[in-house]
PDB file of all heavy atoms in Angstrom:
ATOM      1  N   ILE A   1     119.456  53.681  21.210  1.00  0.00           N
ATOM      2  CA  ILE A   1     120.460  52.667  20.915  1.00  0.00           C
ATOM      3  C   ILE A   1     119.980  51.890  19.700  1.00  0.00           C
ATOM      4  O   ILE A   1     118.956  51.215  19.752  1.00  0.00           O
ATOM      5  CB  ILE A   1     120.684  51.719  22.103  1.00  0.00           C
ATOM      6  CG1 ILE A   1     121.058  52.513  23.358  1.00  0.00           C
ATOM      7  CG2 ILE A   1     121.784  50.700  21.773  1.00  0.00           C
ATOM      8  CD1 ILE A   1     121.162  51.663  24.608  1.00  0.00           C
ATOM      9  N   LYS A   2     120.692  52.002  18.604  1.00  0.00           N
ATOM     10  CA  LYS A   2     120.250  51.443  17.334  1.00  0.00           C
ATOM     11  C   LYS A   2     121.221  50.359  16.868  1.00  0.00           C
ATOM     12  O   LYS A   2     122.380  50.307  17.284  1.00  0.00           O
ATOM     13  CB  LYS A   2     120.140  52.549  16.285  1.00  0.00           C
ATOM     14  CG  LYS A   2     119.268  53.720  16.751  1.00  0.00           C
ATOM     15  CD  LYS A   2     119.173  54.796  15.701  1.00  0.00           C
ATOM     16  CE  LYS A   2     118.425  56.030  16.230  1.00  0.00           C
ATOM     17  NZ  LYS A   2     117.068  55.703  16.663  1.00  0.00           N
ATOM     18  N   VAL A   3     120.732  49.498  16.002  1.00  0.00           N
ATOM     19  CA  VAL A   3     121.542  48.429  15.418  1.00  0.00           C
ATOM     20  C   VAL A   3     121.456  48.525  13.905  1.00  0.00           C
ATOM     21  O   VAL A   3     120.364  48.704  13.342  1.00  0.00           O
ATOM     22  CB  VAL A   3     121.061  47.040  15.885  1.00  0.00           C
ATOM     23  CG1 VAL A   3     121.771  45.929  15.109  1.00  0.00           C
ATOM     24  CG2 VAL A   3     121.282  46.865  17.383  1.00  0.00           C
ATOM     25  N   VAL A   4     122.597  48.415  13.245  1.00  0.00           N
ATOM     26  CA  VAL A   4     122.636  48.364  11.794  1.00  0.00           C
ATOM     27  C   VAL A   4     123.529  47.198  11.392  1.00  0.00           C
ATOM     28  O   VAL A   4     124.565  46.954  12.015  1.00  0.00           O
ATOM     29  CB  VAL A   4     123.151  49.691  11.191  1.00  0.00           C
ATOM     30  CG1 VAL A   4     124.576  49.990  11.624  1.00  0.00           C
ATOM     31  CG2 VAL A   4     123.062  49.676   9.676  1.00  0.00           C
ATOM     32  N   VAL A   5     123.110  46.442  10.394  1.00  0.00           N
ATOM     33  CA  VAL A   5     123.884  45.295   9.926  1.00  0.00           C
ATOM     34  C   VAL A   5     124.939  45.772   8.936  1.00  0.00           C
ATOM     35  O   VAL A   5     124.636  46.478   7.972  1.00  0.00           O
ATOM     36  CB  VAL A   5     122.974  44.241   9.275  1.00  0.00           C
ATOM     37  CG1 VAL A   5     123.804  43.093   8.688  1.00  0.00           C
ATOM     38  CG2 VAL A   5     121.985  43.699  10.303  1.00  0.00           C
ATOM     39  N   HIS A   6     126.178  45.380   9.212  1.00  0.00           N
ATOM     40  CA  HIS A   6     127.322  45.785   8.387  1.00  0.00           C
ATOM     41  C   HIS A   6     128.192  44.545   8.166  1.00  0.00           C
ATOM     42  O   HIS A   6     129.038  44.211   8.997  1.00  0.00           O
ATOM     43  CB  HIS A   6     128.094  46.893   9.117  1.00  0.00           C
ATOM     44  CG  HIS A   6     129.431  47.217   8.534  1.00  0.00           C
ATOM     45  ND1 HIS A   6     129.606  47.501   7.202  1.00  0.00           N
ATOM     46  CD2 HIS A   6     130.669  47.282   9.111  1.00  0.00           C
ATOM     47  CE1 HIS A   6     130.886  47.752   6.980  1.00  0.00           C
ATOM     48  NE2 HIS A   6     131.553  47.607   8.119  1.00  0.00           N
ATOM     49  N   PRO A   7     127.967  43.807   7.081  1.00  0.00           N
ATOM     50  CA  PRO A   7     128.586  42.487   6.914  1.00  0.00           C
ATOM     51  C   PRO A   7     130.112  42.485   6.896  1.00  0.00           C
ATOM     52  O   PRO A   7     130.730  41.486   7.263  1.00  0.00           O
ATOM     53  CB  PRO A   7     128.028  42.010   5.565  1.00  0.00           C
ATOM     54  CG  PRO A   7     126.776  42.799   5.362  1.00  0.00           C
ATOM     55  CD  PRO A   7     127.037  44.131   5.986  1.00  0.00           C
ATOM     56  N   GLN A   8     130.739  43.577   6.484  1.00  0.00           N
ATOM     57  CA  GLN A   8     132.194  43.574   6.351  1.00  0.00           C
ATOM     58  C   GLN A   8     132.930  43.661   7.693  1.00  0.00           C
ATOM     59  O   GLN A   8     134.123  43.390   7.768  1.00  0.00           O
ATOM     60  CB  GLN A   8     132.646  44.737   5.457  1.00  0.00           C
ATOM     61  CG  GLN A   8     132.230  44.604   3.997  1.00  0.00           C
ATOM     62  CD  GLN A   8     130.794  45.051   3.758  1.00  0.00           C
ATOM     63  OE1 GLN A   8     130.146  45.627   4.621  1.00  0.00           O
ATOM     64  NE2 GLN A   8     130.291  44.770   2.567  1.00  0.00           N
ATOM     65  N   SER A   9     132.244  44.064   8.756  1.00  0.00           N
ATOM     66  CA  SER A   9     132.848  44.178  10.094  1.00  0.00           C
ATOM     67  C   SER A   9     134.091  45.066  10.091  1.00  0.00           C
ATOM     68  O   SER A   9     135.075  44.785  10.789  1.00  0.00           O
ATOM     69  CB  SER A   9     133.197  42.789  10.654  1.00  0.00           C
ATOM     70  OG  SER A   9     132.048  42.007  10.831  1.00  0.00           O
ATOM     71  N   ILE A  10     134.036  46.136   9.353  1.00  0.00           N
ATOM     72  CA  ILE A  10     135.136  47.108   9.328  1.00  0.00           C
ATOM     73  C   ILE A  10     134.801  48.311  10.203  1.00  0.00           C
ATOM     74  O   ILE A  10     135.631  48.797  10.966  1.00  0.00           O
ATOM     75  CB  ILE A  10     135.425  47.573   7.880  1.00  0.00           C
ATOM     76  CG1 ILE A  10     135.942  46.386   7.056  1.00  0.00           C
ATOM     77  CG2 ILE A  10     136.427  48.730   7.865  1.00  0.00           C
ATOM     78  CD1 ILE A  10     137.255  45.804   7.530  1.00  0.00           C
ATOM     79  N   VAL A  11     133.548  48.809  10.092  1.00  0.00           N
ATOM     80  CA  VAL A  11     133.055  49.850  10.999  1.00  0.00           C
ATOM     81  C   VAL A  11     132.491  49.122  12.218  1.00  0.00           C
ATOM     82  O   VAL A  11     131.508  48.390  12.115  1.00  0.00           O
ATOM     83  CB  VAL A  11     131.964  50.707  10.337  1.00  0.00           C
ATOM     84  CG1 VAL A  11     131.400  51.720  11.333  1.00  0.00           C
ATOM     85  CG2 VAL A  11     132.521  51.410   9.109  1.00  0.00           C
ATOM     86  N   HIS A  12     133.108  49.331  13.369  1.00  0.00           N
ATOM     87  CA  HIS A  12     132.748  48.517  14.533  1.00  0.00           C
ATOM     88  C   HIS A  12     131.603  49.101  15.340  1.00  0.00           C
ATOM     89  O   HIS A  12     130.923  48.356  16.043  1.00  0.00           O
ATOM     90  CB  HIS A  12     133.982  48.277  15.394  1.00  0.00           C
ATOM     91  CG  HIS A  12     135.027  47.498  14.666  1.00  0.00           C
ATOM     92  ND1 HIS A  12     134.815  46.210  14.223  1.00  0.00           N
ATOM     93  CD2 HIS A  12     136.271  47.838  14.244  1.00  0.00           C
ATOM     94  CE1 HIS A  12     135.895  45.781  13.585  1.00  0.00           C
ATOM     95  NE2 HIS A  12     136.785  46.747  13.578  1.00  0.00           N
ATOM     96  N   SER A  13     131.401  50.388  15.281  1.00  0.00           N
ATOM     97  CA  SER A  13     130.208  51.058  15.807  1.00  0.00           C
ATOM     98  C   SER A  13     130.368  52.552  15.579  1.00  0.00           C
ATOM     99  O   SER A  13     131.451  53.030  15.212  1.00  0.00           O
ATOM    100  CB  SER A  13     129.965  50.749  17.293  1.00  0.00           C
ATOM    101  OG  SER A  13     129.278  49.522  17.440  1.00  0.00           O
ATOM    102  N   MET A  14     129.268  53.293  15.822  1.00  0.00           N
ATOM    103  CA  MET A  14     129.257  54.723  15.539  1.00  0.00           C
ATOM    104  C   MET A  14     128.499  55.470  16.623  1.00  0.00           C
ATOM    105  O   MET A  14     127.622  54.903  17.281  1.00  0.00           O
ATOM    106  CB  MET A  14     128.594  54.993  14.178  1.00  0.00           C
ATOM    107  CG  MET A  14     129.335  54.397  12.995  1.00  0.00           C
ATOM    108  SD  MET A  14     128.377  54.421  11.453  1.00  0.00           S
ATOM    109  CE  MET A  14     127.413  52.904  11.630  1.00  0.00           C
ATOM    110  N   VAL A  15     128.837  56.739  16.778  1.00  0.00           N
ATOM    111  CA  VAL A  15     128.115  57.630  17.680  1.00  0.00           C
ATOM    112  C   VAL A  15     127.609  58.807  16.865  1.00  0.00           C
ATOM    113  O   VAL A  15     128.393  59.491  16.193  1.00  0.00           O
ATOM    114  CB  VAL A  15     129.011  58.132  18.837  1.00  0.00           C
ATOM    115  CG1 VAL A  15     128.253  59.140  19.700  1.00  0.00           C
ATOM    116  CG2 VAL A  15     129.482  56.952  19.687  1.00  0.00           C
ATOM    117  N   ALA A  16     126.298  59.020  16.884  1.00  0.00           N
ATOM    118  CA  ALA A  16     125.688  60.136  16.174  1.00  0.00           C
ATOM    119  C   ALA A  16     125.495  61.302  17.138  1.00  0.00           C
ATOM    120  O   ALA A  16     125.067  61.117  18.281  1.00  0.00           O
ATOM    121  CB  ALA A  16     124.347  59.725  15.580  1.00  0.00           C
ATOM    122  N   TYR A  17     125.815  62.514  16.676  1.00  0.00           N
ATOM    123  CA  TYR A  17     125.727  63.717  17.496  1.00  0.00           C
ATOM    124  C   TYR A  17     124.619  64.638  16.984  1.00  0.00           C
ATOM    125  O   TYR A  17     124.192  64.545  15.826  1.00  0.00           O
ATOM    126  CB  TYR A  17     127.068  64.445  17.508  1.00  0.00           C
ATOM    127  CG  TYR A  17     128.118  63.732  18.348  1.00  0.00           C
ATOM    128  CD1 TYR A  17     128.876  62.701  17.813  1.00  0.00           C
ATOM    129  CD2 TYR A  17     128.321  64.072  19.681  1.00  0.00           C
ATOM    130  CE1 TYR A  17     129.823  62.027  18.579  1.00  0.00           C
ATOM    131  CE2 TYR A  17     129.267  63.421  20.456  1.00  0.00           C
ATOM    132  CZ  TYR A  17     130.006  62.400  19.901  1.00  0.00           C
ATOM    133  OH  TYR A  17     130.933  61.745  20.671  1.00  0.00           O
ATOM    134  N   SER A  18     124.179  65.522  17.850  1.00  0.00           N
ATOM    135  CA  SER A  18     123.034  66.377  17.536  1.00  0.00           C
ATOM    136  C   SER A  18     123.319  67.379  16.429  1.00  0.00           C
ATOM    137  O   SER A  18     122.382  67.935  15.847  1.00  0.00           O
ATOM    138  CB  SER A  18     122.577  67.124  18.800  1.00  0.00           C
ATOM    139  OG  SER A  18     123.650  67.845  19.369  1.00  0.00           O
ATOM    140  N   ASP A  19     124.587  67.636  16.122  1.00  0.00           N
ATOM    141  CA  ASP A  19     124.910  68.557  15.033  1.00  0.00           C
ATOM    142  C   ASP A  19     124.942  67.876  13.669  1.00  0.00           C
ATOM    143  O   ASP A  19     125.253  68.510  12.659  1.00  0.00           O
ATOM    144  CB  ASP A  19     126.249  69.250  15.298  1.00  0.00           C
ATOM    145  CG  ASP A  19     127.435  68.288  15.365  1.00  0.00           C
ATOM    146  OD1 ASP A  19     127.222  67.072  15.163  1.00  0.00           O
ATOM    147  OD2 ASP A  19     128.563  68.742  15.627  1.00  0.00           O
ATOM    148  N   GLY A  20     124.600  66.597  13.627  1.00  0.00           N
ATOM    149  CA  GLY A  20     124.595  65.853  12.375  1.00  0.00           C
ATOM    150  C   GLY A  20     125.848  65.044  12.131  1.00  0.00           C
ATOM    151  O   GLY A  20     125.904  64.260  11.176  1.00  0.00           O
ATOM    152  N   SER A  21     126.863  65.199  12.976  1.00  0.00           N
ATOM    153  CA  SER A  21     128.090  64.425  12.833  1.00  0.00           C
ATOM    154  C   SER A  21     127.868  62.984  13.267  1.00  0.00           C
ATOM    155  O   SER A  21     127.096  62.709  14.190  1.00  0.00           O
ATOM    156  CB  SER A  21     129.214  65.030  13.685  1.00  0.00           C
ATOM    157  OG  SER A  21     129.490  66.360  13.309  1.00  0.00           O
ATOM    158  N   VAL A  22     128.568  62.075  12.619  1.00  0.00           N
ATOM    159  CA  VAL A  22     128.605  60.673  13.035  1.00  0.00           C
ATOM    160  C   VAL A  22     130.069  60.262  13.084  1.00  0.00           C
ATOM    161  O   VAL A  22     130.767  60.309  12.078  1.00  0.00           O
ATOM    162  CB  VAL A  22     127.840  59.757  12.058  1.00  0.00           C
ATOM    163  CG1 VAL A  22     127.976  58.295  12.492  1.00  0.00           C
ATOM    164  CG2 VAL A  22     126.377  60.153  11.978  1.00  0.00           C
ATOM    165  N   LEU A  23     130.522  59.873  14.271  1.00  0.00           N
ATOM    166  CA  LEU A  23     131.891  59.403  14.432  1.00  0.00           C
ATOM    167  C   LEU A  23     131.893  57.882  14.438  1.00  0.00           C
ATOM    168  O   LEU A  23     131.091  57.252  15.138  1.00  0.00           O
ATOM    169  CB  LEU A  23     132.499  59.924  15.730  1.00  0.00           C
ATOM    170  CG  LEU A  23     132.582  61.445  15.899  1.00  0.00           C
ATOM    171  CD1 LEU A  23     133.361  61.800  17.166  1.00  0.00           C
ATOM    172  CD2 LEU A  23     133.231  62.102  14.680  1.00  0.00           C
ATOM    173  N   ALA A  24     132.797  57.294  13.660  1.00  0.00           N
ATOM    174  CA  ALA A  24     132.887  55.846  13.538  1.00  0.00           C
ATOM    175  C   ALA A  24     134.302  55.384  13.851  1.00  0.00           C
ATOM    176  O   ALA A  24     135.274  56.097  13.591  1.00  0.00           O
ATOM    177  CB  ALA A  24     132.495  55.405  12.132  1.00  0.00           C
ATOM    178  N   GLN A  25     134.416  54.199  14.411  1.00  0.00           N
ATOM    179  CA  GLN A  25     135.720  53.576  14.627  1.00  0.00           C
ATOM    180  C   GLN A  25     135.850  52.430  13.644  1.00  0.00           C
ATOM    181  O   GLN A  25     135.001  51.540  13.586  1.00  0.00           O
ATOM    182  CB  GLN A  25     135.858  53.083  16.066  1.00  0.00           C
ATOM    183  CG  GLN A  25     137.266  52.613  16.448  1.00  0.00           C
ATOM    184  CD  GLN A  25     137.474  51.120  16.249  1.00  0.00           C
ATOM    185  OE1 GLN A  25     136.527  50.339  16.301  1.00  0.00           O
ATOM    186  NE2 GLN A  25     138.705  50.713  16.011  1.00  0.00           N
TER     187      GLN A  25
END
């Protein structure tokens, strides 16, 4: 479970997958 600072608050969180994909909302 990781935290990244994103000041614009447009990407609300992400899920990283083992195939290298990252899905973001």
